[in-house]
All heavy atoms as atom14 arrays in JSON, in Angstrom:
{
  "sequence": "EAAHPSGERLVRMGKLIGFRVPLDDVNGKDLNALVRAAWYCRAPKR",
  "atom14_mask": [
    [1, 1, 1, 1, 1, 1, 1, 1, 1, 0, 0, 0, 0, 0],
    [1, 1, 1, 1, 1, 0, 0, 0, 0, 0, 0, 0, 0, 0],
    [1, 1, 1, 1, 1, 0, 0, 0, 0, 0, 0, 0, 0, 0],
    [1, 1, 1, 1, 1, 1, 1, 1, 1, 1, 0, 0, 0, 0],
    [1, 1, 1, 1, 1, 1, 1, 0, 0, 0, 0, 0, 0, 0],
    [1, 1, 1, 1, 1, 1, 0, 0, 0, 0, 0, 0, 0, 0],
    [1, 1, 1, 1, 0, 0, 0, 0, 0, 0, 0, 0, 0, 0],
    [1, 1, 1, 1, 1, 1, 1, 1, 1, 0, 0, 0, 0, 0],
    [1, 1, 1, 1, 1, 1, 1, 1, 1, 1, 1, 0, 0, 0],
    [1, 1, 1, 1, 1, 1, 1, 1, 0, 0, 0, 0, 0, 0],
    [1, 1, 1, 1, 1, 1, 1, 0, 0, 0, 0, 0, 0, 0],
    [1, 1, 1, 1, 1, 1, 1, 1, 1, 1, 1, 0, 0, 0],
    [1, 1, 1, 1, 1, 1, 1, 1, 0, 0, 0, 0, 0, 0],
    [1, 1, 1, 1, 0, 0, 0, 0, 0, 0, 0, 0, 0, 0],
    [1, 1, 1, 1, 1, 1, 1, 1, 1, 0, 0, 0, 0, 0],
    [1, 1, 1, 1, 1, 1, 1, 1, 0, 0, 0, 0, 0, 0],
    [1, 1, 1, 1, 1, 1, 1, 1, 0, 0, 0, 0, 0, 0],
    [1, 1, 1, 1, 0, 0, 0, 0, 0, 0, 0, 0, 0, 0],
    [1, 1, 1, 1, 1, 1, 1, 1, 1, 1, 1, 0, 0, 0],
    [1, 1, 1, 1, 1, 1, 1, 1, 1, 1, 1, 0, 0, 0],
    [1, 1, 1, 1, 1, 1, 1, 0, 0, 0, 0, 0, 0, 0],
    [1, 1, 1, 1, 1, 1, 1, 0, 0, 0, 0, 0, 0, 0],
    [1, 1, 1, 1, 1, 1, 1, 1, 0, 0, 0, 0, 0, 0],
    [1, 1, 1, 1, 1, 1, 1, 1, 0, 0, 0, 0, 0, 0],
    [1, 1, 1, 1, 1, 1, 1, 1, 0, 0, 0, 0, 0, 0],
    [1, 1, 1, 1, 1, 1, 1, 0, 0, 0, 0, 0, 0, 0],
    [1, 1, 1, 1, 1, 1, 1, 1, 0, 0, 0, 0, 0, 0],
    [1, 1, 1, 1, 0, 0, 0, 0, 0, 0, 0, 0, 0, 0],
    [1, 1, 1, 1, 1, 1, 1, 1, 1, 0, 0, 0, 0, 0],
    [1, 1, 1, 1, 1, 1, 1, 1, 0, 0, 0, 0, 0, 0],
    [1, 1, 1, 1, 1, 1, 1, 1, 0, 0, 0, 0, 0, 0],
    [1, 1, 1, 1, 1, 1, 1, 1, 0, 0, 0, 0, 0, 0],
    [1, 1, 1, 1, 1, 0, 0, 0, 0, 0, 0, 0, 0, 0],
    [1, 1, 1, 1, 1, 1, 1, 1, 0, 0, 0, 0, 0, 0],
    [1, 1, 1, 1, 1, 1, 1, 0, 0, 0, 0, 0, 0, 0],
    [1, 1, 1, 1, 1, 1, 1, 1, 1, 1, 1, 0, 0, 0],
    [1, 1, 1, 1, 1, 0, 0, 0, 0, 0, 0, 0, 0, 0],
    [1, 1, 1, 1, 1, 0, 0, 0, 0, 0, 0, 0, 0, 0],
    [1, 1, 1, 1, 1, 1, 1, 1, 1, 1, 1, 1, 1, 1],
    [1, 1, 1, 1, 1, 1, 1, 1, 1, 1, 1, 1, 0, 0],
    [1, 1, 1, 1, 1, 1, 0, 0, 0, 0, 0, 0, 0, 0],
    [1, 1, 1, 1, 1, 1, 1, 1, 1, 1, 1, 0, 0, 0],
    [1, 1, 1, 1, 1, 0, 0, 0, 0, 0, 0, 0, 0, 0],
    [1, 1, 1, 1, 1, 1, 1, 0, 0, 0, 0, 0, 0, 0],
    [1, 1, 1, 1, 1, 1, 1, 1, 1, 0, 0, 0, 0, 0],
    [1, 1, 1, 1, 1, 1, 1, 1, 1, 1, 1, 0, 0, 0]
  ],
  "atom14_positions": [
    [[151.83, 49.25, 123.84], [152.64, 49.12, 122.65], [151.71, 48.85, 121.42], [151.93, 49.41, 120.35], [153.68, 48.03, 122.73], [154.84, 48.39, 123.57], [155.85, 47.26, 123.6], [155.48, 46.09, 123.85], [157.05, 47.53, 123.37], [0.0, 0.0, 0.0], [0.0, 0.0, 0.0], [0.0, 0.0, 0.0], [0.0, 0.0, 0.0], [0.0, 0.0, 0.0]],
    [[150.7, 47.99, 121.6], [149.82, 47.63, 120.52], [148.95, 48.84, 120.14], [148.7, 49.08, 118.96], [148.99, 46.43, 120.93], [0.0, 0.0, 0.0], [0.0, 0.0, 0.0], [0.0, 0.0, 0.0], [0.0, 0.0, 0.0], [0.0, 0.0, 0.0], [0.0, 0.0, 0.0], [0.0, 0.0, 0.0], [0.0, 0.0, 0.0], [0.0, 0.0, 0.0]],
    [[148.53, 49.6, 121.1], [147.67, 50.79, 120.84], [148.47, 51.99, 120.38], [147.92, 52.83, 119.71], [146.87, 51.1, 122.12], [0.0, 0.0, 0.0], [0.0, 0.0, 0.0], [0.0, 0.0, 0.0], [0.0, 0.0, 0.0], [0.0, 0.0, 0.0], [0.0, 0.0, 0.0], [0.0, 0.0, 0.0], [0.0, 0.0, 0.0], [0.0, 0.0, 0.0]],
    [[149.7, 52.08, 120.82], [150.52, 53.31, 120.47], [151.86, 52.87, 119.92], [152.86, 52.85, 120.65], [150.64, 54.13, 121.69], [149.38, 54.49, 122.39], [148.5, 55.36, 121.89], [148.82, 53.95, 123.51], [147.41, 55.41, 122.66], [147.57, 54.57, 123.66], [0.0, 0.0, 0.0], [0.0, 0.0, 0.0], [0.0, 0.0, 0.0], [0.0, 0.0, 0.0]],
    [[151.94, 52.66, 118.61], [153.2, 52.18, 118.01], [154.36, 53.17, 118.12], [155.5, 52.78, 118.04], [152.85, 51.96, 116.55], [151.41, 52.25, 116.37], [150.84, 52.69, 117.67], [0.0, 0.0, 0.0], [0.0, 0.0, 0.0], [0.0, 0.0, 0.0], [0.0, 0.0, 0.0], [0.0, 0.0, 0.0], [0.0, 0.0, 0.0], [0.0, 0.0, 0.0]],
    [[154.02, 54.44, 118.36], [155.13, 55.43, 118.48], [155.79, 55.39, 119.89], [156.8, 56.04, 120.11], [154.65, 56.82, 118.23], [153.61, 57.16, 119.21], [0.0, 0.0, 0.0], [0.0, 0.0, 0.0], [0.0, 0.0, 0.0], [0.0, 0.0, 0.0], [0.0, 0.0, 0.0], [0.0, 0.0, 0.0], [0.0, 0.0, 0.0], [0.0, 0.0, 0.0]],
    [[155.2, 54.64, 120.81], [155.71, 54.47, 122.13], [156.79, 53.41, 122.2], [157.02, 52.68, 121.24], [0.0, 0.0, 0.0], [0.0, 0.0, 0.0], [0.0, 0.0, 0.0], [0.0, 0.0, 0.0], [0.0, 0.0, 0.0], [0.0, 0.0, 0.0], [0.0, 0.0, 0.0], [0.0, 0.0, 0.0], [0.0, 0.0, 0.0], [0.0, 0.0, 0.0]],
    [[157.43, 53.32, 123.33], [158.54, 52.36, 123.54], [158.57, 51.89, 125.02], [158.09, 52.58, 125.92], [159.86, 52.93, 123.11], [160.26, 54.09, 123.97], [161.55, 54.79, 123.47], [162.09, 54.38, 122.45], [162.03, 55.71, 124.18], [0.0, 0.0, 0.0], [0.0, 0.0, 0.0], [0.0, 0.0, 0.0], [0.0, 0.0, 0.0], [0.0, 0.0, 0.0]],
    [[159.13, 50.72, 125.19], [159.3, 50.22, 126.5], [160.34, 50.99, 127.28], [161.34, 51.43, 126.7], [159.79, 48.74, 126.43], [158.74, 47.78, 125.88], [159.35, 46.42, 125.67], [158.29, 45.51, 125.41], [157.85, 44.54, 126.26], [158.51, 44.38, 127.37], [156.83, 43.76, 125.96], [0.0, 0.0, 0.0], [0.0, 0.0, 0.0], [0.0, 0.0, 0.0]],
    [[160.11, 51.19, 128.55], [161.1, 51.77, 129.44], [161.82, 50.66, 130.19], [161.21, 49.88, 130.9], [160.43, 52.67, 130.51], [160.15, 54.1, 130.1], [159.4, 54.8, 131.23], [161.43, 54.83, 129.79], [0.0, 0.0, 0.0], [0.0, 0.0, 0.0], [0.0, 0.0, 0.0], [0.0, 0.0, 0.0], [0.0, 0.0, 0.0], [0.0, 0.0, 0.0]],
    [[163.12, 50.59, 130.02], [163.87, 49.52, 130.66], [164.96, 50.19, 131.46], [165.67, 51.09, 130.96], [164.49, 48.57, 129.6], [165.33, 47.5, 130.25], [163.43, 47.96, 128.75], [0.0, 0.0, 0.0], [0.0, 0.0, 0.0], [0.0, 0.0, 0.0], [0.0, 0.0, 0.0], [0.0, 0.0, 0.0], [0.0, 0.0, 0.0], [0.0, 0.0, 0.0]],
    [[165.15, 49.77, 132.69], [166.19, 50.3, 133.59], [166.96, 49.11, 134.13], [166.4, 48.21, 134.73], [165.66, 51.15, 134.69], [166.72, 51.79, 135.59], [166.18, 52.65, 136.66], [165.49, 53.79, 136.06], [164.4, 54.32, 136.61], [163.91, 53.85, 137.71], [163.82, 55.37, 136.01], [0.0, 0.0, 0.0], [0.0, 0.0, 0.0], [0.0, 0.0, 0.0]],
    [[168.27, 49.11, 133.92], [169.15, 48.0, 134.37], [168.66, 46.68, 133.94], [168.61, 45.73, 134.72], [169.38, 48.12, 135.89], [170.08, 49.43, 136.26], [170.32, 49.8, 138.03], [170.2, 48.32, 138.9], [0.0, 0.0, 0.0], [0.0, 0.0, 0.0], [0.0, 0.0, 0.0], [0.0, 0.0, 0.0], [0.0, 0.0, 0.0], [0.0, 0.0, 0.0]],
    [[168.19, 46.53, 132.66], [167.71, 45.31, 132.17], [166.33, 44.91, 132.57], [165.84, 43.83, 132.17], [0.0, 0.0, 0.0], [0.0, 0.0, 0.0], [0.0, 0.0, 0.0], [0.0, 0.0, 0.0], [0.0, 0.0, 0.0], [0.0, 0.0, 0.0], [0.0, 0.0, 0.0], [0.0, 0.0, 0.0], [0.0, 0.0, 0.0], [0.0, 0.0, 0.0]],
    [[165.66, 45.73, 133.38], [164.32, 45.37, 133.89], [163.3, 46.32, 133.33], [163.43, 47.55, 133.31], [164.3, 45.46, 135.41], [162.98, 45.06, 135.99], [162.99, 45.12, 137.52], [161.64, 44.77, 138.03], [161.47, 45.08, 139.43], [0.0, 0.0, 0.0], [0.0, 0.0, 0.0], [0.0, 0.0, 0.0], [0.0, 0.0, 0.0], [0.0, 0.0, 0.0]],
    [[162.18, 45.71, 132.79], [161.09, 46.54, 132.29], [160.4, 47.29, 133.43], [159.98, 46.66, 134.42], [160.05, 45.64, 131.6], [158.84, 46.37, 131.01], [159.19, 47.2, 129.81], [157.77, 45.34, 130.62], [0.0, 0.0, 0.0], [0.0, 0.0, 0.0], [0.0, 0.0, 0.0], [0.0, 0.0, 0.0], [0.0, 0.0, 0.0], [0.0, 0.0, 0.0]],
    [[160.3, 48.61, 133.27], [159.66, 49.43, 134.33], [158.45, 50.2, 133.84], [157.68, 50.75, 134.61], [160.62, 50.43, 135.02], [161.16, 51.43, 134.0], [161.77, 49.67, 135.72], [161.83, 52.66, 134.63], [0.0, 0.0, 0.0], [0.0, 0.0, 0.0], [0.0, 0.0, 0.0], [0.0, 0.0, 0.0], [0.0, 0.0, 0.0], [0.0, 0.0, 0.0]],
    [[158.23, 50.22, 132.49], [157.04, 50.93, 132.04], [157.08, 51.24, 130.57], [157.65, 50.48, 129.77], [0.0, 0.0, 0.0], [0.0, 0.0, 0.0], [0.0, 0.0, 0.0], [0.0, 0.0, 0.0], [0.0, 0.0, 0.0], [0.0, 0.0, 0.0], [0.0, 0.0, 0.0], [0.0, 0.0, 0.0], [0.0, 0.0, 0.0], [0.0, 0.0, 0.0]],
    [[156.45, 52.35, 130.16], [156.18, 52.7, 128.82], [156.4, 54.19, 128.65], [156.03, 54.99, 129.53], [154.75, 52.32, 128.5], [154.33, 52.5, 127.05], [154.87, 51.74, 126.05], [153.41, 53.43, 126.76], [154.53, 51.9, 124.71], [153.01, 53.64, 125.41], [153.57, 52.84, 124.39], [0.0, 0.0, 0.0], [0.0, 0.0, 0.0], [0.0, 0.0, 0.0]],
    [[156.96, 54.61, 127.51], [157.16, 55.99, 127.14], [156.46, 56.25, 125.85], [156.59, 55.5, 124.89], [158.64, 56.27, 127.01], [158.91, 57.67, 126.58], [160.38, 57.95, 126.38], [161.12, 57.41, 127.54], [162.4, 57.11, 127.52], [163.11, 57.28, 126.49], [163.01, 56.58, 128.6], [0.0, 0.0, 0.0], [0.0, 0.0, 0.0], [0.0, 0.0, 0.0]],
    [[155.7, 57.36, 125.79], [155.01, 57.74, 124.58], [154.92, 59.24, 124.48], [154.75, 59.91, 125.47], [153.56, 57.08, 124.57], [152.68, 57.63, 125.66], [152.9, 57.22, 123.23], [0.0, 0.0, 0.0], [0.0, 0.0, 0.0], [0.0, 0.0, 0.0], [0.0, 0.0, 0.0], [0.0, 0.0, 0.0], [0.0, 0.0, 0.0], [0.0, 0.0, 0.0]],
    [[155.04, 59.77, 123.23], [154.93, 61.23, 123.05], [153.46, 61.64, 123.34], [152.52, 60.97, 122.84], [155.25, 61.44, 121.57], [156.0, 60.22, 121.13], [155.52, 59.13, 121.99], [0.0, 0.0, 0.0], [0.0, 0.0, 0.0], [0.0, 0.0, 0.0], [0.0, 0.0, 0.0], [0.0, 0.0, 0.0], [0.0, 0.0, 0.0], [0.0, 0.0, 0.0]],
    [[153.28, 62.7, 124.11], [151.93, 63.21, 124.4], [151.19, 63.52, 123.07], [149.92, 63.35, 123.05], [151.98, 64.44, 125.33], [152.3, 64.19, 126.77], [152.48, 65.51, 127.52], [151.25, 63.36, 127.42], [0.0, 0.0, 0.0], [0.0, 0.0, 0.0], [0.0, 0.0, 0.0], [0.0, 0.0, 0.0], [0.0, 0.0, 0.0], [0.0, 0.0, 0.0]],
    [[151.9, 64.02, 122.13], [151.26, 64.34, 120.84], [150.6, 63.16, 120.15], [149.73, 63.35, 119.29], [152.29, 64.93, 119.87], [152.8, 66.33, 120.32], [152.09, 66.93, 121.15], [153.79, 66.78, 119.79], [0.0, 0.0, 0.0], [0.0, 0.0, 0.0], [0.0, 0.0, 0.0], [0.0, 0.0, 0.0], [0.0, 0.0, 0.0], [0.0, 0.0, 0.0]],
    [[151.06, 61.95, 120.46], [150.51, 60.74, 119.81], [149.42, 59.99, 120.59], [149.0, 58.92, 120.21], [151.67, 59.75, 119.58], [152.7, 60.35, 118.63], [152.39, 61.37, 117.92], [153.81, 59.77, 118.5], [0.0, 0.0, 0.0], [0.0, 0.0, 0.0], [0.0, 0.0, 0.0], [0.0, 0.0, 0.0], [0.0, 0.0, 0.0], [0.0, 0.0, 0.0]],
    [[148.96, 60.59, 121.68], [147.94, 59.93, 122.49], [146.69, 60.86, 122.65], [146.82, 62.02, 122.89], [148.53, 59.67, 123.93], [147.48, 58.91, 124.79], [149.81, 58.91, 123.89], [0.0, 0.0, 0.0], [0.0, 0.0, 0.0], [0.0, 0.0, 0.0], [0.0, 0.0, 0.0], [0.0, 0.0, 0.0], [0.0, 0.0, 0.0], [0.0, 0.0, 0.0]],
    [[145.52, 60.22, 122.5], [144.29, 61.01, 122.67], [143.99, 61.07, 124.16], [144.52, 60.33, 124.96], [143.12, 60.49, 121.85], [142.6, 59.15, 122.29], [142.59, 58.83, 123.48], [142.19, 58.29, 121.36], [0.0, 0.0, 0.0], [0.0, 0.0, 0.0], [0.0, 0.0, 0.0], [0.0, 0.0, 0.0], [0.0, 0.0, 0.0], [0.0, 0.0, 0.0]],
    [[143.09, 61.98, 124.55], [142.81, 62.19, 125.98], [142.29, 60.98, 126.69], [142.65, 60.73, 127.85], [0.0, 0.0, 0.0], [0.0, 0.0, 0.0], [0.0, 0.0, 0.0], [0.0, 0.0, 0.0], [0.0, 0.0, 0.0], [0.0, 0.0, 0.0], [0.0, 0.0, 0.0], [0.0, 0.0, 0.0], [0.0, 0.0, 0.0], [0.0, 0.0, 0.0]],
    [[141.38, 60.24, 126.03], [140.79, 59.05, 126.69], [141.87, 58.01, 126.97], [141.92, 57.45, 128.05], [139.73, 58.51, 125.76], [139.02, 57.32, 126.35], [137.91, 56.82, 125.41], [137.22, 55.62, 126.02], [136.21, 55.07, 125.06], [0.0, 0.0, 0.0], [0.0, 0.0, 0.0], [0.0, 0.0, 0.0], [0.0, 0.0, 0.0], [0.0, 0.0, 0.0]],
    [[142.74, 57.78, 126.0], [143.83, 56.81, 126.14], [144.8, 57.29, 127.2], [145.3, 56.47, 128.04], [144.56, 56.57, 124.83], [143.76, 55.76, 123.86], [142.68, 55.2, 124.18], [144.12, 55.73, 122.64], [0.0, 0.0, 0.0], [0.0, 0.0, 0.0], [0.0, 0.0, 0.0], [0.0, 0.0, 0.0], [0.0, 0.0, 0.0], [0.0, 0.0, 0.0]],
    [[145.13, 58.57, 127.21], [146.03, 59.06, 128.24], [145.43, 58.89, 129.65], [146.17, 58.44, 130.57], [146.33, 60.59, 128.02], [147.23, 61.18, 129.04], [148.65, 60.69, 128.84], [147.25, 62.7, 128.87], [0.0, 0.0, 0.0], [0.0, 0.0, 0.0], [0.0, 0.0, 0.0], [0.0, 0.0, 0.0], [0.0, 0.0, 0.0], [0.0, 0.0, 0.0]],
    [[144.16, 59.22, 129.85], [143.55, 58.97, 131.16], [143.63, 57.57, 131.57], [143.98, 57.24, 132.73], [142.08, 59.39, 131.1], [141.82, 60.88, 130.96], [142.78, 61.65, 131.2], [140.66, 61.28, 130.63], [0.0, 0.0, 0.0], [0.0, 0.0, 0.0], [0.0, 0.0, 0.0], [0.0, 0.0, 0.0], [0.0, 0.0, 0.0], [0.0, 0.0, 0.0]],
    [[143.4, 56.6, 130.64], [143.51, 55.19, 130.99], [144.95, 54.75, 131.36], [145.17, 54.02, 132.31], [143.01, 54.34, 129.82], [0.0, 0.0, 0.0], [0.0, 0.0, 0.0], [0.0, 0.0, 0.0], [0.0, 0.0, 0.0], [0.0, 0.0, 0.0], [0.0, 0.0, 0.0], [0.0, 0.0, 0.0], [0.0, 0.0, 0.0], [0.0, 0.0, 0.0]],
    [[145.96, 55.29, 130.63], [147.31, 54.96, 130.89], [147.75, 55.55, 132.25], [148.42, 54.89, 133.04], [148.25, 55.51, 129.79], [148.21, 54.8, 128.48], [148.95, 55.59, 127.43], [148.81, 53.41, 128.58], [0.0, 0.0, 0.0], [0.0, 0.0, 0.0], [0.0, 0.0, 0.0], [0.0, 0.0, 0.0], [0.0, 0.0, 0.0], [0.0, 0.0, 0.0]],
    [[147.32, 56.77, 132.55], [147.68, 57.44, 133.77], [147.07, 56.65, 134.99], [147.73, 56.35, 135.98], [147.32, 58.87, 133.83], [147.36, 59.46, 135.25], [148.16, 59.69, 132.89], [0.0, 0.0, 0.0], [0.0, 0.0, 0.0], [0.0, 0.0, 0.0], [0.0, 0.0, 0.0], [0.0, 0.0, 0.0], [0.0, 0.0, 0.0], [0.0, 0.0, 0.0]],
    [[145.82, 56.25, 134.8], [145.12, 55.51, 135.82], [145.73, 54.13, 136.06], [145.9, 53.67, 137.2], [143.64, 55.34, 135.43], [142.67, 55.04, 136.44], [141.28, 55.13, 135.91], [140.23, 55.02, 136.94], [139.91, 56.04, 137.7], [140.43, 57.22, 137.55], [139.02, 55.85, 138.62], [0.0, 0.0, 0.0], [0.0, 0.0, 0.0], [0.0, 0.0, 0.0]],
    [[146.13, 53.43, 134.98], [146.79, 52.16, 135.11], [148.12, 52.31, 135.83], [148.44, 51.46, 136.68], [147.0, 51.51, 133.7], [0.0, 0.0, 0.0], [0.0, 0.0, 0.0], [0.0, 0.0, 0.0], [0.0, 0.0, 0.0], [0.0, 0.0, 0.0], [0.0, 0.0, 0.0], [0.0, 0.0, 0.0], [0.0, 0.0, 0.0], [0.0, 0.0, 0.0]],
    [[148.86, 53.34, 135.55], [150.13, 53.58, 136.19], [149.93, 53.87, 137.67], [150.68, 53.36, 138.5], [150.91, 54.75, 135.55], [0.0, 0.0, 0.0], [0.0, 0.0, 0.0], [0.0, 0.0, 0.0], [0.0, 0.0, 0.0], [0.0, 0.0, 0.0], [0.0, 0.0, 0.0], [0.0, 0.0, 0.0], [0.0, 0.0, 0.0], [0.0, 0.0, 0.0]],
    [[148.87, 54.64, 137.99], [148.54, 54.91, 139.41], [148.23, 53.66, 140.12], [148.75, 53.36, 141.24], [147.4, 55.88, 139.47], [147.03, 56.27, 140.86], [147.49, 57.32, 141.62], [146.05, 55.56, 141.73], [146.94, 57.3, 142.87], [146.03, 56.26, 142.94], [145.28, 54.46, 141.58], [145.26, 55.86, 144.04], [144.47, 54.05, 142.65], [144.45, 54.78, 143.89]],
    [[147.4, 52.77, 139.52], [147.04, 51.48, 140.15], [148.27, 50.65, 140.4], [148.39, 49.94, 141.38], [146.06, 50.68, 139.27], [144.6, 50.97, 139.59], [143.81, 51.62, 138.58], [144.01, 50.62, 140.83], [142.45, 51.9, 138.9], [142.7, 50.88, 141.05], [141.94, 51.52, 140.08], [140.64, 51.79, 140.33], [0.0, 0.0, 0.0], [0.0, 0.0, 0.0]],
    [[149.22, 50.7, 139.47], [150.46, 49.91, 139.61], [151.36, 50.36, 140.8], [151.97, 49.5, 141.42], [151.28, 50.08, 138.25], [152.85, 49.23, 138.27], [0.0, 0.0, 0.0], [0.0, 0.0, 0.0], [0.0, 0.0, 0.0], [0.0, 0.0, 0.0], [0.0, 0.0, 0.0], [0.0, 0.0, 0.0], [0.0, 0.0, 0.0], [0.0, 0.0, 0.0]],
    [[151.29, 51.63, 141.18], [152.14, 52.15, 142.21], [151.42, 52.45, 143.56], [152.11, 52.63, 144.53], [152.84, 53.38, 141.71], [153.63, 53.21, 140.45], [154.94, 52.43, 140.64], [155.89, 53.3, 141.21], [157.09, 52.97, 141.58], [157.48, 51.73, 141.48], [157.92, 53.86, 142.08], [0.0, 0.0, 0.0], [0.0, 0.0, 0.0], [0.0, 0.0, 0.0]],
    [[150.13, 52.56, 143.51], [149.38, 52.91, 144.72], [149.37, 51.76, 145.69], [149.34, 50.6, 145.29], [147.97, 53.32, 144.38], [0.0, 0.0, 0.0], [0.0, 0.0, 0.0], [0.0, 0.0, 0.0], [0.0, 0.0, 0.0], [0.0, 0.0, 0.0], [0.0, 0.0, 0.0], [0.0, 0.0, 0.0], [0.0, 0.0, 0.0], [0.0, 0.0, 0.0]],
    [[149.29, 52.07, 147.02], [149.14, 51.01, 148.0], [147.86, 50.24, 147.73], [146.86, 50.78, 147.24], [149.02, 51.78, 149.33], [149.72, 53.06, 149.08], [149.45, 53.39, 147.6], [0.0, 0.0, 0.0], [0.0, 0.0, 0.0], [0.0, 0.0, 0.0], [0.0, 0.0, 0.0], [0.0, 0.0, 0.0], [0.0, 0.0, 0.0], [0.0, 0.0, 0.0]],
    [[147.84, 48.98, 148.17], [146.71, 48.1, 147.8], [145.36, 48.61, 148.32], [144.36, 48.54, 147.63], [146.97, 46.72, 148.27], [148.06, 46.0, 147.48], [148.32, 44.58, 147.92], [149.44, 43.98, 147.06], [149.75, 42.63, 147.44], [0.0, 0.0, 0.0], [0.0, 0.0, 0.0], [0.0, 0.0, 0.0], [0.0, 0.0, 0.0], [0.0, 0.0, 0.0]],
    [[145.34, 49.07, 149.6], [144.08, 49.54, 150.14], [143.53, 50.75, 149.46], [142.37, 50.88, 149.22], [144.22, 49.76, 151.62], [144.3, 48.56, 152.44], [144.28, 48.84, 153.93], [144.43, 47.64, 154.69], [144.56, 47.62, 156.0], [144.55, 48.72, 156.71], [144.66, 46.45, 156.6], [0.0, 0.0, 0.0], [0.0, 0.0, 0.0], [0.0, 0.0, 0.0]]
  ]
}
């Protein structure tokens, strides 16, 4: 949110589940970092 003011929180049933941002507003390096962080969040620990 701090890096991409055009983005917004994703909330489902009152619970924060992530972040939504227009692709047009994100540079490639930031997008790679966001995708990687999301992968780490959902991937099995090992």
